[in-house]
Amino acid sequence: MKNTILWGTLITLMGTQVQVYADVAQPASPPAQTPNTLASPQTPQTPPAQSLPSINPGQPTPPPVINCEYKIPPETKKIDQSLVITWSEKAVTQTFDFDPNKVDEQLQKLEACFTEQGWTGFNTALQKSGNLEAIKSQKLTVSSQVLGHATVTEVKENQWKINLPLQVVYQNEKEKVTQLLNVDVTIARKMTGDLGIAQMIAAPRNTEKSPTSDTADTTSNPATIPATTTPATTTPAATTTEPTKPLLPPNSQ
């Protein structure tokens, strides 16, 4: 009887211990859900990826530079007149822009401003006039700017005649000459579709001279090219230096 009671008590104790262990073991079951907690941290890395596309679409395309290298497709039939005026101003001022140390390089770039026939006429007249030699030998720096507004005087198919008021400055170490010109230029389209100077005629309005040193005026002007539109005047000189006139570009016709 005692043994039966002891075994019964022992079984009861074992049962309570199993229940206790079961109760203690239950809290350990929640860690089984850790895979869910591990999968949950999905921190989005989209901000860096979103910032990349916003760089290009937000930037406006810069406008094309209008100069002698400006390209126009040959299939373009209609060209805005304002574009032709802007182009002509750039081309004409480049024609009156020379550095005595870079003349040859500048002439190579200047060819793009003319049609084939226009360049042949201009370059031939330029070589014969002695302008290049005067620029190099007398160290003349030539610069220009449009004073006022360019005016379209005539329009034909793919051809525009424009008048520009131009100020040209010729300067070396001895003096500075400012010349005001009326430039009549004919702009035409090349075979490539681009614009080019087909003809240019420059006539002086008046000339202003200002010496840049106290040296005696034995060379009254810094250039030796007589103007084609005004008679050349020469006066005897006390030195071997021949008196000169303001530089006037050769007219290309």
Foldseek 3Di string as FASTA:
>chain_A
DVVVVVVVVVVVVVVVVVVVVVVVCVVVVVCVCVVVVVVPPPPDPCPVVVVVVVPPVVDDDDDDDQELPDADAQVDQDDDPVSVQVHVQRLVQLVQFDFLVCRVVSLVVNVSQAAPQQNVQQVVQQVVQCFNVLCNVLRKGKGKHFDDGKDFDDDDRQKTKIWTWMWMWIDDQWWIKIWIKIKIWMWGAYPRRGIHTNWIDIDTDDMDIDTPDPDPPQAVESGAGDDPVDDDDFDDGPDPDGHHDYDDGGTGD
